[in-house]
Structure formats: structure tokens, C-alpha cells
Amino acid sequence: MSPNELADQYLAGAAQLRAAVAGMTREQLVARPVAGKWSTLEVVCHVSDFDPILVERMKRILALASDVPLLLAADENLFLKALNYDARDVNEELAVIDATRAQMARIIRGLTPEQLQLTGNHNKRGLQTLEKVIQMACNHVPHHLAFIAEKRKALGV
């Protein structure tokens, strides 16, 4: 995939997530209509917290290319427990996602095919190319859209 195609796909995730939660009330956002699953707000907060982590990995690969930088894993459940997701504001979280993705999409558009093949060393997954990290970030929102749709359906929204 070309840098422009990757950037377009990555940037589209922000609009897709915004559309997925459009029209939901605060009560619907914090509801847990599916037993054992996160609320819609928790899903949005998760994306808002993990987009910058994925971007940091991308930037680390680019900035420290000659060193094959270490890319650290993060535990989403620890973030959920520690960062008070239910008290957060969905519009602030969406704004973080919008800004993070707009900035990184601009950087992605300027990449060369050679840069896409630079690698980082993930402490749990091993060597990963920049292209693979970008693709993971592109797939992150679509992965969660199905869960939001499931919650909306269970709530009758």
C-alpha cells in the first residue's frame, strides 16, 4: 500500500469512530448492555489512549531507525482500571483521536517506500516494520466498530 493510501485509511478511522457514536446520550455511552464487555465510552477512551501509543511507536521507528528502537507493549486493561474512563468526556476523547490521526496522517503521506520498511523491536511481538505498525493502527478502529454496533443494537439505538 502506498503512503497516501495508508494515510487515507488511517485518517478515515477517526470519522468512522465519530459516526459510530453519533447521537448517543451520555447514559447510552456509559451503559454496559452486553455482559462482560466495555461500555461505548470505554471503547472510545481506549482508542484515544492507544492511538498516541501507536503513533509513538511509528515516530520512534522513524526517528531512531538506525538503532532498531524498542517498542513497548501496553496493557489495555490496566489503562481501563487506572484512567477513570467512565468520568471522561466523549467529545474530548474524539478530539484527541482527530488531532492525533491528522498529525500522523500528514507524516505518513511524506514517507518513502524505504521508510515503510524500517523496523522496531516490539518487546512482545519482535521485529515489526513501520508499515505493519501503521496497518495495525489503521485496523484498530474498524476492529472496535463492531463492538460499538453490538452495544447500539442492544440499547435499541
C-alpha atoms as a PDB file:
ATOM      1  CA  MET A   1       0.000   0.000   0.000  1.00  0.00           C
ATOM      2  CA  SER A   2       1.298   3.485  -0.805  1.00  0.00           C
ATOM      3  CA  PRO A   3       1.898   6.091   1.893  1.00  0.00           C
ATOM      4  CA  ASN A   4      -1.102   8.086   0.633  1.00  0.00           C
ATOM      5  CA  GLU A   5      -3.371   5.032   0.773  1.00  0.00           C
ATOM      6  CA  LEU A   6      -2.161   4.217   4.290  1.00  0.00           C
ATOM      7  CA  ALA A   7      -2.700   7.813   5.392  1.00  0.00           C
ATOM      8  CA  ASP A   8      -6.218   7.888   3.934  1.00  0.00           C
ATOM      9  CA  GLN A   9      -7.147   4.607   5.616  1.00  0.00           C
ATOM     10  CA  TYR A  10      -5.648   5.735   8.937  1.00  0.00           C
ATOM     11  CA  LEU A  11      -7.381   9.102   8.850  1.00  0.00           C
ATOM     12  CA  ALA A  12     -10.736   7.530   7.972  1.00  0.00           C
ATOM     13  CA  GLY A  13     -10.787   5.751  11.341  1.00  0.00           C
ATOM     14  CA  ALA A  14     -11.407   9.000  13.214  1.00  0.00           C
ATOM     15  CA  ALA A  15     -14.503   9.817  11.141  1.00  0.00           C
ATOM     16  CA  GLN A  16     -15.742   6.220  11.381  1.00  0.00           C
ATOM     17  CA  LEU A  17     -15.499   6.261  15.166  1.00  0.00           C
ATOM     18  CA  ARG A  18     -17.198   9.649  15.395  1.00  0.00           C
ATOM     19  CA  ALA A  19     -20.047   8.363  13.192  1.00  0.00           C
ATOM     20  CA  ALA A  20     -20.372   5.186  15.276  1.00  0.00           C
ATOM     21  CA  VAL A  21     -21.117   7.134  18.466  1.00  0.00           C
ATOM     22  CA  ALA A  22     -23.120   9.954  16.880  1.00  0.00           C
ATOM     23  CA  GLY A  23     -26.414  10.651  18.607  1.00  0.00           C
ATOM     24  CA  MET A  24     -25.684   8.568  21.698  1.00  0.00           C
ATOM     25  CA  THR A  25     -26.563  10.105  25.056  1.00  0.00           C
ATOM     26  CA  ARG A  26     -24.166  10.057  27.994  1.00  0.00           C
ATOM     27  CA  GLU A  27     -26.336   7.361  29.576  1.00  0.00           C
ATOM     28  CA  GLN A  28     -26.060   5.212  26.438  1.00  0.00           C
ATOM     29  CA  LEU A  29     -22.307   5.822  26.190  1.00  0.00           C
ATOM     30  CA  VAL A  30     -21.628   4.571  29.729  1.00  0.00           C
ATOM     31  CA  ALA A  31     -24.148   1.695  29.612  1.00  0.00           C
ATOM     32  CA  ARG A  32     -22.915  -1.889  29.527  1.00  0.00           C
ATOM     33  CA  PRO A  33     -25.693  -3.595  27.572  1.00  0.00           C
ATOM     34  CA  VAL A  34     -23.506  -6.585  26.705  1.00  0.00           C
ATOM     35  CA  ALA A  35     -22.436  -8.544  29.771  1.00  0.00           C
ATOM     36  CA  GLY A  36     -18.696  -8.630  30.374  1.00  0.00           C
ATOM     37  CA  LYS A  37     -17.937  -6.041  27.681  1.00  0.00           C
ATOM     38  CA  TRP A  38     -16.745  -2.463  27.906  1.00  0.00           C
ATOM     39  CA  SER A  39     -19.121   0.467  27.548  1.00  0.00           C
ATOM     40  CA  THR A  40     -19.033   2.512  24.342  1.00  0.00           C
ATOM     41  CA  LEU A  41     -17.292   5.334  26.211  1.00  0.00           C
ATOM     42  CA  GLU A  42     -14.664   2.894  27.448  1.00  0.00           C
ATOM     43  CA  VAL A  43     -14.063   1.775  23.864  1.00  0.00           C
ATOM     44  CA  VAL A  44     -13.642   5.390  22.724  1.00  0.00           C
ATOM     45  CA  CYS A  45     -11.277   6.115  25.634  1.00  0.00           C
ATOM     46  CA  HIS A  46      -9.290   3.008  24.791  1.00  0.00           C
ATOM     47  CA  VAL A  47      -8.803   4.221  21.208  1.00  0.00           C
ATOM     48  CA  SER A  48      -7.963   7.704  22.480  1.00  0.00           C
ATOM     49  CA  ASP A  49      -5.312   6.294  24.826  1.00  0.00           C
ATOM     50  CA  PHE A  50      -3.848   3.775  22.390  1.00  0.00           C
ATOM     51  CA  ASP A  51      -3.707   5.944  19.257  1.00  0.00           C
ATOM     52  CA  PRO A  52      -0.890   8.026  20.801  1.00  0.00           C
ATOM     53  CA  ILE A  53       0.905   4.814  21.806  1.00  0.00           C
ATOM     54  CA  LEU A  54       0.766   3.528  18.240  1.00  0.00           C
ATOM     55  CA  VAL A  55       1.888   6.935  16.946  1.00  0.00           C
ATOM     56  CA  GLU A  56       4.792   6.955  19.400  1.00  0.00           C
ATOM     57  CA  ARG A  57       5.885   3.594  18.005  1.00  0.00           C
ATOM     58  CA  MET A  58       5.713   4.945  14.450  1.00  0.00           C
ATOM     59  CA  LYS A  59       7.680   8.066  15.353  1.00  0.00           C
ATOM     60  CA  ARG A  60      10.228   6.040  17.321  1.00  0.00           C
ATOM     61  CA  ILE A  61      10.852   3.802  14.293  1.00  0.00           C
ATOM     62  CA  LEU A  62      11.336   6.850  12.085  1.00  0.00           C
ATOM     63  CA  ALA A  63      13.465   8.870  14.495  1.00  0.00           C
ATOM     64  CA  LEU A  64      15.643   6.016  15.745  1.00  0.00           C
ATOM     65  CA  ALA A  65      15.794   3.968  12.548  1.00  0.00           C
ATOM     66  CA  SER A  66      19.495   3.202  12.783  1.00  0.00           C
ATOM     67  CA  ASP A  67      19.053   1.711  16.267  1.00  0.00           C
ATOM     68  CA  VAL A  68      16.024  -0.574  15.647  1.00  0.00           C
ATOM     69  CA  PRO A  69      14.185   1.012  18.569  1.00  0.00           C
ATOM     70  CA  LEU A  70      12.381  -0.846  21.322  1.00  0.00           C
ATOM     71  CA  LEU A  71       8.581  -0.652  21.084  1.00  0.00           C
ATOM     72  CA  LEU A  72       6.860  -1.259  24.398  1.00  0.00           C
ATOM     73  CA  ALA A  73       3.648  -3.202  24.884  1.00  0.00           C
ATOM     74  CA  ALA A  74       0.783  -1.671  26.844  1.00  0.00           C
ATOM     75  CA  ASP A  75      -1.986  -3.452  28.749  1.00  0.00           C
ATOM     76  CA  GLU A  76      -5.387  -2.062  27.840  1.00  0.00           C
ATOM     77  CA  ASN A  77      -6.987  -3.468  30.984  1.00  0.00           C
ATOM     78  CA  LEU A  78      -4.542  -1.610  33.231  1.00  0.00           C
ATOM     79  CA  PHE A  79      -5.374   1.620  31.390  1.00  0.00           C
ATOM     80  CA  LEU A  80      -9.098   0.932  31.873  1.00  0.00           C
ATOM     81  CA  LYS A  81      -8.656   0.395  35.616  1.00  0.00           C
ATOM     82  CA  ALA A  82      -6.357   3.361  36.240  1.00  0.00           C
ATOM     83  CA  LEU A  83      -7.608   6.125  33.963  1.00  0.00           C
ATOM     84  CA  ASN A  84     -11.231   6.626  35.025  1.00  0.00           C
ATOM     85  CA  TYR A  85     -12.784   6.048  31.606  1.00  0.00           C
ATOM     86  CA  ASP A  86     -16.370   6.467  32.833  1.00  0.00           C
ATOM     87  CA  ALA A  87     -15.674  10.034  34.007  1.00  0.00           C
ATOM     88  CA  ARG A  88     -14.180  11.144  30.706  1.00  0.00           C
ATOM     89  CA  ASP A  89     -15.897  13.202  28.013  1.00  0.00           C
ATOM     90  CA  VAL A  90     -16.554  11.535  24.657  1.00  0.00           C
ATOM     91  CA  ASN A  91     -16.060  14.774  22.716  1.00  0.00           C
ATOM     92  CA  GLU A  92     -12.654  15.387  24.298  1.00  0.00           C
ATOM     93  CA  GLU A  93     -11.644  11.807  23.513  1.00  0.00           C
ATOM     94  CA  LEU A  94     -12.783  12.144  19.895  1.00  0.00           C
ATOM     95  CA  ALA A  95     -10.858  15.419  19.601  1.00  0.00           C
ATOM     96  CA  VAL A  96      -7.667  13.664  20.760  1.00  0.00           C
ATOM     97  CA  ILE A  97      -8.221  10.961  18.146  1.00  0.00           C
ATOM     98  CA  ASP A  98      -8.922  13.532  15.418  1.00  0.00           C
ATOM     99  CA  ALA A  99      -5.797  15.546  16.221  1.00  0.00           C
ATOM    100  CA  THR A 100      -3.531  12.529  16.661  1.00  0.00           C
ATOM    101  CA  ARG A 101      -4.630  10.975  13.387  1.00  0.00           C
ATOM    102  CA  ALA A 102      -4.499  14.244  11.424  1.00  0.00           C
ATOM    103  CA  GLN A 103      -0.926  14.876  12.550  1.00  0.00           C
ATOM    104  CA  MET A 104       0.281  11.344  11.864  1.00  0.00           C
ATOM    105  CA  ALA A 105      -1.529  11.108   8.512  1.00  0.00           C
ATOM    106  CA  ARG A 106       0.448  14.146   7.363  1.00  0.00           C
ATOM    107  CA  ILE A 107       3.684  12.408   8.392  1.00  0.00           C
ATOM    108  CA  ILE A 108       2.647   9.130   6.725  1.00  0.00           C
ATOM    109  CA  ARG A 109       1.933  10.936   3.435  1.00  0.00           C
ATOM    110  CA  GLY A 110       5.547  12.134   3.338  1.00  0.00           C
ATOM    111  CA  LEU A 111       7.096   8.679   3.800  1.00  0.00           C
ATOM    112  CA  THR A 112       9.095   6.846   1.185  1.00  0.00           C
ATOM    113  CA  PRO A 113       8.617   3.145   0.415  1.00  0.00           C
ATOM    114  CA  GLU A 114      12.012   2.557   2.047  1.00  0.00           C
ATOM    115  CA  GLN A 115      10.892   4.214   5.271  1.00  0.00           C
ATOM    116  CA  LEU A 116       7.857   1.926   5.423  1.00  0.00           C
ATOM    117  CA  GLN A 117      10.299  -0.988   5.716  1.00  0.00           C
ATOM    118  CA  LEU A 118      12.176   0.433   8.723  1.00  0.00           C
ATOM    119  CA  THR A 119      11.789  -1.736  11.809  1.00  0.00           C
ATOM    120  CA  GLY A 120      11.293  -1.514  15.527  1.00  0.00           C
ATOM    121  CA  ASN A 121      11.585  -4.335  18.042  1.00  0.00           C
ATOM    122  CA  HIS A 122       8.349  -4.842  19.956  1.00  0.00           C
ATOM    123  CA  ASN A 123       9.097  -6.313  23.388  1.00  0.00           C
ATOM    124  CA  LYS A 124       6.394  -8.999  22.928  1.00  0.00           C
ATOM    125  CA  ARG A 125       5.923  -9.344  19.153  1.00  0.00           C
ATOM    126  CA  GLY A 126       9.505  -8.971  17.941  1.00  0.00           C
ATOM    127  CA  LEU A 127      10.569  -7.070  14.830  1.00  0.00           C
ATOM    128  CA  GLN A 128       7.841  -5.016  13.145  1.00  0.00           C
ATOM    129  CA  THR A 129       8.079  -2.819  10.084  1.00  0.00           C
ATOM    130  CA  LEU A 130       6.737   0.706  10.177  1.00  0.00           C
ATOM    131  CA  GLU A 131       4.197  -0.354   7.561  1.00  0.00           C
ATOM    132  CA  LYS A 132       2.938  -3.121   9.850  1.00  0.00           C
ATOM    133  CA  VAL A 133       2.569  -0.694  12.783  1.00  0.00           C
ATOM    134  CA  ILE A 134       0.670   1.757  10.558  1.00  0.00           C
ATOM    135  CA  GLN A 135      -1.574  -1.063   9.331  1.00  0.00           C
ATOM    136  CA  MET A 136      -2.252  -2.097  12.947  1.00  0.00           C
ATOM    137  CA  ALA A 137      -3.268   1.485  13.698  1.00  0.00           C
ATOM    138  CA  CYS A 138      -5.469   1.558  10.575  1.00  0.00           C
ATOM    139  CA  ASN A 139      -7.240  -1.630  11.700  1.00  0.00           C
ATOM    140  CA  HIS A 140      -7.674  -0.563  15.328  1.00  0.00           C
ATOM    141  CA  VAL A 141     -10.855   1.491  14.923  1.00  0.00           C
ATOM    142  CA  PRO A 142     -12.594  -0.903  12.497  1.00  0.00           C
ATOM    143  CA  HIS A 143     -11.882  -3.717  14.968  1.00  0.00           C
ATOM    144  CA  HIS A 144     -13.802  -1.818  17.663  1.00  0.00           C
ATOM    145  CA  LEU A 145     -16.663  -0.581  15.443  1.00  0.00           C
ATOM    146  CA  ALA A 146     -18.320  -3.986  15.573  1.00  0.00           C
ATOM    147  CA  PHE A 147     -18.363  -3.829  19.376  1.00  0.00           C
ATOM    148  CA  ILE A 148     -19.946  -0.377  19.315  1.00  0.00           C
ATOM    149  CA  ALA A 149     -22.560  -1.561  16.806  1.00  0.00           C
ATOM    150  CA  GLU A 150     -23.329  -4.501  19.104  1.00  0.00           C
ATOM    151  CA  LYS A 151     -23.878  -2.113  22.034  1.00  0.00           C
ATOM    152  CA  ARG A 152     -26.047   0.224  19.968  1.00  0.00           C
ATOM    153  CA  LYS A 153     -28.199  -2.714  18.885  1.00  0.00           C
ATOM    154  CA  ALA A 154     -28.545  -3.990  22.454  1.00  0.00           C
ATOM    155  CA  LEU A 155     -29.599  -0.498  23.552  1.00  0.00           C
ATOM    156  CA  GLY A 156     -32.014  -0.088  20.659  1.00  0.00           C
ATOM    157  CA  VAL A 157     -30.136   2.982  19.395  1.00  0.00           C
END
